[in-house]
Amino acid sequence: MIIEHIDEQLPGLILDRHAFRGDQTIVIARDRFEEGMALIYAEGFQLLLDITAVDWFQRDPRFDVVYHLLNLNNQERLRIKARVNENEAMPSQVPRFKTADWFEREAFDMFGIRFEGHPRLERLLMWRDFPGYPLRKDFPLDGGDSFCGDVGVSFAGRATTLNE
C-alpha cells in the first residue's frame, strides 16, 4: 500500500498512522511536510478533496491540519495530518493543487492557521476586521458578543422580507 511505499522512500517521515473503514491516515511532521507531499503527489494522489483543521485546545501543538487526497487511477484515498501551533505556518499547496486556494483561506478564516506562500491569504467567510476565529475551541459559545459589539445592529432575531 501507499503508506509502506512512503516509509520506504522517506524513512522517518510518518510519525503515526491508522486506518478506518478503508481510508488511510498518516501524520507527517510539519518540517518535512513539503517533502512528503511531493512524493505523495508523484505517486498519483493528485486530487485534493479538502483541507480542514482540528483544534486540540489543551494540546501542544494545538492544531491538526488535515488534507484529504484521492488517487484518480485507483480511487485510493489518503488523509494526511500535520500538527502546528498558533504561531507556525504550513507551506501552501496552491502551486501543486489549485483547489488548495479556497481550502487554505477557509482554514485561515475559521482557525487562524497561516499558509506560507499562499498567493492571497485573506478572510473568505468572515468580514475583514473580524477579530476572532469561529472554529477554535476558545471562541465564545454565545456567538461572540465580545467580538461583535461594535457592529451596532444584531440581525439574529430580525425578520426580513423580500422587499428589503
N, C-alpha and C. Protein backbone atom coordinates (compact mmCIF):
# COMPACT_ATOMS: atom_id res chain seq x y z
N MET A 1 0.84 -1.19 0.00
CA MET A 1 0.00 0.00 0.00
C MET A 1 0.88 1.26 0.00
N ILE A 2 0.23 2.39 -0.11
CA ILE A 2 0.94 3.65 -0.26
C ILE A 2 1.74 4.02 0.99
N ILE A 3 1.23 3.69 2.16
CA ILE A 3 1.93 4.08 3.39
C ILE A 3 3.28 3.36 3.50
N GLU A 4 3.29 2.08 3.17
CA GLU A 4 4.55 1.32 3.20
C GLU A 4 5.54 1.88 2.17
N HIS A 5 5.01 2.25 1.00
CA HIS A 5 5.86 2.82 -0.04
C HIS A 5 6.47 4.16 0.42
N ILE A 6 5.68 4.99 1.06
CA ILE A 6 6.18 6.27 1.58
C ILE A 6 7.27 6.01 2.62
N ASP A 7 7.03 5.03 3.50
CA ASP A 7 8.01 4.69 4.53
C ASP A 7 9.34 4.24 3.92
N GLU A 8 9.27 3.47 2.82
CA GLU A 8 10.49 3.02 2.14
C GLU A 8 11.23 4.18 1.49
N GLN A 9 10.49 5.07 0.83
CA GLN A 9 11.10 6.18 0.10
C GLN A 9 11.64 7.27 1.02
N LEU A 10 10.90 7.59 2.08
CA LEU A 10 11.29 8.66 3.01
C LEU A 10 11.20 8.14 4.45
N PRO A 11 12.19 7.40 4.90
CA PRO A 11 12.15 6.84 6.25
C PRO A 11 12.03 7.94 7.31
N GLY A 12 11.19 7.68 8.29
CA GLY A 12 11.02 8.63 9.39
C GLY A 12 10.04 9.76 9.10
N LEU A 13 9.50 9.81 7.89
CA LEU A 13 8.56 10.88 7.54
C LEU A 13 7.25 10.72 8.30
N ILE A 14 6.76 9.51 8.40
CA ILE A 14 5.46 9.24 9.01
C ILE A 14 5.64 9.09 10.52
N LEU A 15 4.96 9.97 11.27
CA LEU A 15 5.03 9.94 12.73
C LEU A 15 4.01 8.99 13.33
N ASP A 16 2.87 8.85 12.66
CA ASP A 16 1.80 7.99 13.15
C ASP A 16 0.95 7.58 11.96
N ARG A 17 0.22 6.49 12.09
CA ARG A 17 -0.64 6.00 11.01
C ARG A 17 -1.80 5.21 11.60
N HIS A 18 -2.91 5.23 10.89
CA HIS A 18 -4.04 4.37 11.22
C HIS A 18 -5.00 4.32 10.04
N ALA A 19 -5.89 3.33 10.08
CA ALA A 19 -6.87 3.16 9.01
C ALA A 19 -8.25 2.98 9.64
N PHE A 20 -9.26 3.51 8.96
CA PHE A 20 -10.63 3.36 9.42
C PHE A 20 -11.53 3.24 8.20
N ARG A 21 -12.25 2.13 8.10
CA ARG A 21 -13.18 1.88 7.01
C ARG A 21 -12.55 2.07 5.63
N GLY A 22 -11.33 1.62 5.49
CA GLY A 22 -10.67 1.67 4.20
C GLY A 22 -9.90 2.94 3.91
N ASP A 23 -10.10 3.98 4.70
CA ASP A 23 -9.35 5.22 4.50
C ASP A 23 -8.11 5.20 5.39
N GLN A 24 -6.99 5.52 4.78
CA GLN A 24 -5.73 5.51 5.50
C GLN A 24 -5.37 6.93 5.94
N THR A 25 -4.78 7.02 7.12
CA THR A 25 -4.37 8.31 7.66
C THR A 25 -2.92 8.23 8.09
N ILE A 26 -2.16 9.27 7.73
CA ILE A 26 -0.78 9.38 8.21
C ILE A 26 -0.59 10.76 8.82
N VAL A 27 0.29 10.82 9.80
CA VAL A 27 0.69 12.08 10.41
C VAL A 27 2.13 12.34 9.99
N ILE A 28 2.35 13.52 9.43
CA ILE A 28 3.67 13.92 8.94
C ILE A 28 4.15 15.13 9.74
N ALA A 29 5.42 15.16 10.06
CA ALA A 29 5.99 16.32 10.75
C ALA A 29 5.91 17.54 9.85
N ARG A 30 5.58 18.69 10.44
CA ARG A 30 5.42 19.93 9.67
C ARG A 30 6.70 20.29 8.93
N ASP A 31 7.85 20.07 9.52
CA ASP A 31 9.10 20.47 8.88
C ASP A 31 9.48 19.58 7.69
N ARG A 32 8.82 18.43 7.53
CA ARG A 32 9.06 17.57 6.36
C ARG A 32 7.82 17.46 5.48
N PHE A 33 6.85 18.32 5.71
CA PHE A 33 5.56 18.22 5.03
C PHE A 33 5.70 18.38 3.52
N GLU A 34 6.42 19.36 3.09
CA GLU A 34 6.57 19.63 1.65
C GLU A 34 7.22 18.45 0.94
N GLU A 35 8.22 17.87 1.56
CA GLU A 35 8.91 16.71 1.01
C GLU A 35 7.94 15.52 0.87
N GLY A 36 7.11 15.32 1.88
CA GLY A 36 6.13 14.24 1.85
C GLY A 36 5.05 14.46 0.80
N MET A 37 4.56 15.68 0.70
CA MET A 37 3.51 15.98 -0.29
C MET A 37 4.03 15.82 -1.72
N ALA A 38 5.28 16.16 -1.95
CA ALA A 38 5.86 15.98 -3.30
C ALA A 38 5.87 14.51 -3.68
N LEU A 39 6.25 13.64 -2.76
CA LEU A 39 6.26 12.21 -3.04
C LEU A 39 4.83 11.68 -3.24
N ILE A 40 3.93 12.07 -2.37
CA ILE A 40 2.55 11.60 -2.45
C ILE A 40 1.89 12.04 -3.76
N TYR A 41 2.17 13.27 -4.18
CA TYR A 41 1.65 13.77 -5.46
C TYR A 41 2.21 12.94 -6.62
N ALA A 42 3.51 12.66 -6.57
CA ALA A 42 4.15 11.88 -7.63
C ALA A 42 3.61 10.45 -7.68
N GLU A 43 3.09 9.95 -6.58
CA GLU A 43 2.54 8.60 -6.52
C GLU A 43 1.09 8.54 -7.01
N GLY A 44 0.54 9.66 -7.46
CA GLY A 44 -0.78 9.63 -8.07
C GLY A 44 -1.90 10.29 -7.28
N PHE A 45 -1.61 10.77 -6.09
CA PHE A 45 -2.63 11.46 -5.30
C PHE A 45 -2.67 12.92 -5.74
N GLN A 46 -3.33 13.15 -6.87
CA GLN A 46 -3.29 14.46 -7.50
C GLN A 46 -4.59 15.23 -7.43
N LEU A 47 -5.55 14.72 -6.63
CA LEU A 47 -6.79 15.46 -6.42
C LEU A 47 -6.92 15.76 -4.93
N LEU A 48 -6.84 17.03 -4.59
CA LEU A 48 -7.03 17.48 -3.22
C LEU A 48 -8.52 17.71 -3.01
N LEU A 49 -9.13 16.91 -2.16
CA LEU A 49 -10.57 16.99 -1.93
C LEU A 49 -10.94 18.03 -0.89
N ASP A 50 -10.07 18.22 0.10
CA ASP A 50 -10.42 19.12 1.20
C ASP A 50 -9.21 19.38 2.07
N ILE A 51 -9.21 20.55 2.70
CA ILE A 51 -8.28 20.86 3.79
C ILE A 51 -9.14 21.37 4.93
N THR A 52 -8.92 20.84 6.09
CA THR A 52 -9.62 21.31 7.27
C THR A 52 -8.65 21.28 8.44
N ALA A 53 -9.15 21.52 9.62
CA ALA A 53 -8.30 21.51 10.81
C ALA A 53 -9.09 21.03 12.01
N VAL A 54 -8.38 20.64 13.03
CA VAL A 54 -8.97 20.26 14.30
C VAL A 54 -8.21 21.02 15.38
N ASP A 55 -8.95 21.67 16.27
CA ASP A 55 -8.34 22.41 17.37
C ASP A 55 -8.31 21.53 18.61
N TRP A 56 -7.13 21.14 19.02
CA TRP A 56 -6.92 20.40 20.26
C TRP A 56 -6.44 21.42 21.30
N PHE A 57 -7.38 22.16 21.84
CA PHE A 57 -7.12 23.36 22.64
C PHE A 57 -6.06 23.16 23.72
N GLN A 58 -6.06 22.05 24.41
CA GLN A 58 -5.13 21.83 25.52
C GLN A 58 -3.83 21.15 25.09
N ARG A 59 -3.71 20.77 23.84
CA ARG A 59 -2.54 20.02 23.37
C ARG A 59 -1.49 20.96 22.78
N ASP A 60 -0.24 20.52 22.79
CA ASP A 60 0.84 21.24 22.14
C ASP A 60 1.51 20.26 21.17
N PRO A 61 1.49 20.50 19.89
CA PRO A 61 0.93 21.61 19.15
C PRO A 61 -0.60 21.57 19.10
N ARG A 62 -1.18 22.74 19.01
CA ARG A 62 -2.61 22.92 19.19
C ARG A 62 -3.47 22.36 18.06
N PHE A 63 -3.04 22.50 16.81
CA PHE A 63 -3.89 22.18 15.66
C PHE A 63 -3.38 20.97 14.87
N ASP A 64 -4.33 20.22 14.33
CA ASP A 64 -4.04 19.26 13.26
C ASP A 64 -4.59 19.89 11.98
N VAL A 65 -3.75 20.06 10.99
CA VAL A 65 -4.22 20.47 9.66
C VAL A 65 -4.38 19.18 8.88
N VAL A 66 -5.58 18.98 8.30
CA VAL A 66 -5.94 17.70 7.71
C VAL A 66 -6.20 17.88 6.21
N TYR A 67 -5.52 17.07 5.42
CA TYR A 67 -5.64 17.09 3.97
C TYR A 67 -6.26 15.77 3.51
N HIS A 68 -7.28 15.83 2.65
CA HIS A 68 -7.90 14.64 2.09
C HIS A 68 -7.54 14.58 0.61
N LEU A 69 -6.90 13.49 0.21
CA LEU A 69 -6.43 13.32 -1.17
C LEU A 69 -7.03 12.07 -1.80
N LEU A 70 -7.16 12.11 -3.12
CA LEU A 70 -7.68 10.97 -3.87
C LEU A 70 -6.74 10.67 -5.03
N ASN A 71 -6.45 9.38 -5.20
CA ASN A 71 -5.71 8.91 -6.36
C ASN A 71 -6.74 8.54 -7.42
N LEU A 72 -6.79 9.28 -8.51
CA LEU A 72 -7.80 9.06 -9.55
C LEU A 72 -7.59 7.75 -10.32
N ASN A 73 -6.37 7.22 -10.31
CA ASN A 73 -6.11 5.97 -11.04
C ASN A 73 -6.74 4.76 -10.36
N ASN A 74 -6.63 4.69 -9.04
CA ASN A 74 -7.14 3.51 -8.34
C ASN A 74 -8.20 3.83 -7.28
N GLN A 75 -8.62 5.08 -7.21
CA GLN A 75 -9.66 5.53 -6.27
C GLN A 75 -9.25 5.36 -4.80
N GLU A 76 -7.98 5.28 -4.53
CA GLU A 76 -7.48 5.17 -3.16
C GLU A 76 -7.51 6.55 -2.51
N ARG A 77 -7.93 6.59 -1.27
CA ARG A 77 -7.98 7.84 -0.51
C ARG A 77 -6.87 7.85 0.52
N LEU A 78 -6.39 9.05 0.82
CA LEU A 78 -5.35 9.21 1.83
C LEU A 78 -5.60 10.49 2.60
N ARG A 79 -5.58 10.38 3.90
CA ARG A 79 -5.73 11.55 4.78
C ARG A 79 -4.35 11.82 5.39
N ILE A 80 -3.93 13.08 5.27
CA ILE A 80 -2.63 13.48 5.80
C ILE A 80 -2.86 14.54 6.87
N LYS A 81 -2.22 14.35 8.01
CA LYS A 81 -2.33 15.32 9.09
C LYS A 81 -0.94 15.87 9.40
N ALA A 82 -0.92 17.16 9.74
CA ALA A 82 0.30 17.80 10.22
C ALA A 82 -0.07 18.63 11.44
N ARG A 83 0.75 18.59 12.45
CA ARG A 83 0.48 19.31 13.70
C ARG A 83 1.21 20.64 13.71
N VAL A 84 0.46 21.71 14.03
CA VAL A 84 1.04 23.06 14.07
C VAL A 84 0.53 23.83 15.28
N ASN A 85 1.33 24.76 15.72
CA ASN A 85 0.93 25.69 16.78
C ASN A 85 0.37 26.97 16.17
N GLU A 86 -0.15 27.82 17.02
CA GLU A 86 -0.74 29.09 16.56
C GLU A 86 0.24 29.95 15.79
N ASN A 87 1.49 29.99 16.21
CA ASN A 87 2.46 30.89 15.60
C ASN A 87 3.24 30.25 14.44
N GLU A 88 2.87 29.04 14.05
CA GLU A 88 3.55 28.36 12.95
C GLU A 88 2.68 28.41 11.69
N ALA A 89 3.33 28.32 10.54
CA ALA A 89 2.62 28.32 9.26
C ALA A 89 2.87 27.01 8.54
N MET A 90 1.88 26.58 7.80
CA MET A 90 2.02 25.42 6.92
C MET A 90 2.46 25.92 5.54
N PRO A 91 3.22 25.11 4.79
CA PRO A 91 3.54 25.51 3.42
C PRO A 91 2.29 25.42 2.55
N SER A 92 2.04 26.44 1.77
CA SER A 92 0.86 26.46 0.91
C SER A 92 0.98 25.38 -0.17
N GLN A 93 -0.14 24.75 -0.46
CA GLN A 93 -0.18 23.73 -1.51
C GLN A 93 -0.80 24.26 -2.80
N VAL A 94 -1.04 25.57 -2.87
CA VAL A 94 -1.65 26.15 -4.06
C VAL A 94 -0.82 25.90 -5.32
N PRO A 95 0.52 25.97 -5.28
CA PRO A 95 1.26 25.67 -6.51
C PRO A 95 1.05 24.25 -7.03
N ARG A 96 0.75 23.33 -6.15
CA ARG A 96 0.56 21.93 -6.52
C ARG A 96 -0.90 21.60 -6.81
N PHE A 97 -1.82 22.14 -6.00
CA PHE A 97 -3.24 21.87 -6.13
C PHE A 97 -3.98 23.20 -6.21
N LYS A 98 -4.65 23.47 -7.30
CA LYS A 98 -5.40 24.73 -7.43
C LYS A 98 -6.54 24.80 -6.42
N THR A 99 -7.11 23.66 -6.04
CA THR A 99 -8.20 23.66 -5.07
C THR A 99 -7.76 24.10 -3.69
N ALA A 100 -6.47 24.07 -3.42
CA ALA A 100 -5.97 24.47 -2.10
C ALA A 100 -6.21 25.95 -1.83
N ASP A 101 -6.37 26.76 -2.87
CA ASP A 101 -6.56 28.19 -2.69
C ASP A 101 -7.69 28.49 -1.71
N TRP A 102 -8.89 28.04 -1.99
CA TRP A 102 -10.03 28.33 -1.11
C TRP A 102 -9.98 27.53 0.18
N PHE A 103 -9.52 26.28 0.11
CA PHE A 103 -9.45 25.47 1.32
C PHE A 103 -8.51 26.09 2.35
N GLU A 104 -7.37 26.60 1.91
CA GLU A 104 -6.43 27.23 2.84
C GLU A 104 -7.00 28.54 3.38
N ARG A 105 -7.68 29.29 2.54
CA ARG A 105 -8.31 30.52 3.02
C ARG A 105 -9.38 30.23 4.07
N GLU A 106 -10.13 29.16 3.87
CA GLU A 106 -11.16 28.79 4.83
C GLU A 106 -10.53 28.37 6.17
N ALA A 107 -9.46 27.58 6.13
CA ALA A 107 -8.78 27.17 7.36
C ALA A 107 -8.18 28.38 8.07
N PHE A 108 -7.66 29.32 7.30
CA PHE A 108 -7.16 30.56 7.89
C PHE A 108 -8.28 31.35 8.55
N ASP A 109 -9.39 31.49 7.85
CA ASP A 109 -10.52 32.28 8.32
C ASP A 109 -11.17 31.69 9.57
N MET A 110 -11.32 30.39 9.60
CA MET A 110 -12.05 29.73 10.69
C MET A 110 -11.16 29.37 11.88
N PHE A 111 -9.87 29.06 11.63
CA PHE A 111 -8.97 28.61 12.69
C PHE A 111 -7.79 29.54 12.94
N GLY A 112 -7.48 30.42 11.99
CA GLY A 112 -6.32 31.30 12.14
C GLY A 112 -5.01 30.65 11.74
N ILE A 113 -5.07 29.55 11.03
CA ILE A 113 -3.85 28.85 10.59
C ILE A 113 -3.32 29.54 9.34
N ARG A 114 -2.05 29.89 9.36
CA ARG A 114 -1.44 30.58 8.23
C ARG A 114 -0.79 29.58 7.27
N PHE A 115 -0.77 29.96 5.99
CA PHE A 115 -0.18 29.12 4.95
C PHE A 115 0.87 29.95 4.22
N GLU A 116 2.12 29.62 4.47
CA GLU A 116 3.25 30.36 3.91
C GLU A 116 3.32 30.16 2.40
N GLY A 117 3.35 31.28 1.67
CA GLY A 117 3.43 31.23 0.22
C GLY A 117 2.08 31.26 -0.48
N HIS A 118 1.01 31.37 0.28
CA HIS A 118 -0.32 31.46 -0.35
C HIS A 118 -0.41 32.78 -1.11
N PRO A 119 -0.96 32.78 -2.33
CA PRO A 119 -0.97 33.99 -3.15
C PRO A 119 -1.87 35.12 -2.62
N ARG A 120 -2.91 34.79 -1.85
CA ARG A 120 -3.82 35.83 -1.37
C ARG A 120 -4.54 35.34 -0.10
N LEU A 121 -3.78 35.16 0.96
CA LEU A 121 -4.35 34.64 2.20
C LEU A 121 -5.11 35.74 2.91
N GLU A 122 -6.41 35.71 2.78
CA GLU A 122 -7.28 36.68 3.45
C GLU A 122 -8.58 35.99 3.79
N ARG A 123 -9.39 36.68 4.58
CA ARG A 123 -10.66 36.11 5.02
C ARG A 123 -11.53 35.72 3.83
N LEU A 124 -12.28 34.63 4.02
CA LEU A 124 -13.15 34.12 2.98
C LEU A 124 -14.61 34.17 3.40
N LEU A 125 -14.90 33.82 4.65
CA LEU A 125 -16.27 33.74 5.13
C LEU A 125 -16.64 34.87 6.09
N MET A 126 -15.71 35.30 6.90
CA MET A 126 -15.96 36.38 7.86
C MET A 126 -15.50 37.70 7.23
N TRP A 127 -15.97 38.81 7.79
CA TRP A 127 -15.55 40.10 7.26
C TRP A 127 -14.11 40.39 7.67
N ARG A 128 -13.46 41.27 6.95
CA ARG A 128 -12.02 41.51 7.11
C ARG A 128 -11.59 41.88 8.53
N ASP A 129 -12.39 42.69 9.21
CA ASP A 129 -12.00 43.17 10.53
C ASP A 129 -12.43 42.24 11.67
N PHE A 130 -13.00 41.11 11.37
CA PHE A 130 -13.47 40.20 12.41
C PHE A 130 -12.27 39.74 13.23
N PRO A 131 -12.29 39.94 14.53
CA PRO A 131 -11.08 39.69 15.33
C PRO A 131 -10.90 38.26 15.83
N GLY A 132 -11.82 37.35 15.58
CA GLY A 132 -11.69 36.01 16.12
C GLY A 132 -11.68 34.95 15.03
N TYR A 133 -11.61 33.70 15.49
CA TYR A 133 -11.62 32.54 14.60
C TYR A 133 -12.71 31.59 15.10
N PRO A 134 -13.86 31.53 14.43
CA PRO A 134 -15.05 30.86 14.96
C PRO A 134 -14.94 29.37 15.26
N LEU A 135 -14.06 28.62 14.62
CA LEU A 135 -13.98 27.19 14.88
C LEU A 135 -12.94 26.80 15.91
N ARG A 136 -12.33 27.80 16.54
CA ARG A 136 -11.42 27.49 17.64
C ARG A 136 -12.22 27.14 18.89
N LYS A 137 -11.66 26.28 19.71
CA LYS A 137 -12.35 25.83 20.92
C LYS A 137 -12.51 26.95 21.94
N ASP A 138 -11.72 28.01 21.86
CA ASP A 138 -11.83 29.10 22.82
C ASP A 138 -12.73 30.24 22.33
N PHE A 139 -13.42 30.04 21.20
CA PHE A 139 -14.36 31.05 20.70
C PHE A 139 -15.60 31.05 21.58
N PRO A 140 -16.15 32.22 21.93
CA PRO A 140 -17.33 32.28 22.82
C PRO A 140 -18.53 31.55 22.23
N LEU A 141 -19.17 30.72 23.05
CA LEU A 141 -20.30 29.93 22.58
C LEU A 141 -21.55 30.75 22.34
N ASP A 142 -21.63 31.94 22.91
CA ASP A 142 -22.85 32.75 22.75
C ASP A 142 -22.86 33.53 21.44
N GLY A 143 -21.93 33.28 20.56
CA GLY A 143 -21.93 33.95 19.27
C GLY A 143 -20.91 35.06 19.17
N GLY A 144 -20.19 35.31 20.23
CA GLY A 144 -19.09 36.25 20.16
C GLY A 144 -19.46 37.69 20.39
N ASP A 145 -20.29 37.99 21.38
CA ASP A 145 -20.65 39.38 21.65
C ASP A 145 -19.42 40.25 21.88
N SER A 146 -18.40 39.70 22.51
CA SER A 146 -17.20 40.49 22.74
C SER A 146 -16.50 40.82 21.43
N PHE A 147 -16.72 40.01 20.39
CA PHE A 147 -16.10 40.27 19.09
C PHE A 147 -16.94 41.24 18.25
N CYS A 148 -18.25 41.18 18.43
CA CYS A 148 -19.15 41.88 17.51
C CYS A 148 -19.84 43.08 18.15
N GLY A 149 -19.37 43.57 19.27
CA GLY A 149 -20.05 44.65 19.96
C GLY A 149 -20.06 45.96 19.21
N ASP A 150 -19.11 46.19 18.32
CA ASP A 150 -19.02 47.46 17.61
C ASP A 150 -19.86 47.50 16.34
N VAL A 151 -20.55 46.43 16.00
CA VAL A 151 -21.32 46.39 14.76
C VAL A 151 -22.53 47.31 14.87
N GLY A 152 -23.16 47.35 16.05
CA GLY A 152 -24.26 48.27 16.26
C GLY A 152 -25.63 47.70 15.98
N VAL A 153 -25.72 46.63 15.23
CA VAL A 153 -27.01 46.04 14.89
C VAL A 153 -26.88 44.53 15.01
N SER A 154 -27.89 43.91 15.55
CA SER A 154 -27.94 42.46 15.57
C SER A 154 -29.00 42.00 14.59
N PHE A 155 -28.63 41.11 13.70
CA PHE A 155 -29.55 40.61 12.70
C PHE A 155 -30.13 39.27 13.10
N ALA A 156 -29.80 38.77 14.29
CA ALA A 156 -30.19 37.41 14.68
C ALA A 156 -31.70 37.24 14.76
N GLY A 157 -32.42 38.17 15.37
CA GLY A 157 -33.84 37.97 15.55
C GLY A 157 -34.71 38.80 14.61
N ARG A 158 -34.10 39.49 13.68
CA ARG A 158 -34.84 40.40 12.81
C ARG A 158 -35.50 39.66 11.66
N ALA A 159 -36.77 39.87 11.48
CA ALA A 159 -37.48 39.26 10.35
C ALA A 159 -37.16 40.06 9.08
N THR A 160 -37.00 39.35 7.99
CA THR A 160 -36.74 40.03 6.73
C THR A 160 -37.84 39.70 5.73
N THR A 161 -38.01 40.57 4.77
CA THR A 161 -38.95 40.32 3.70
C THR A 161 -38.23 40.42 2.38
N LEU A 162 -38.86 40.02 1.33
CA LEU A 162 -38.23 40.08 0.01
C LEU A 162 -38.03 41.51 -0.46
N ASN A 163 -38.77 42.48 0.11
CA ASN A 163 -38.66 43.86 -0.34
C ASN A 163 -37.48 44.60 0.28
N GLU A 164 -36.86 44.06 1.28
CA GLU A 164 -35.76 44.76 1.95
C GLU A 164 -34.48 44.67 1.17
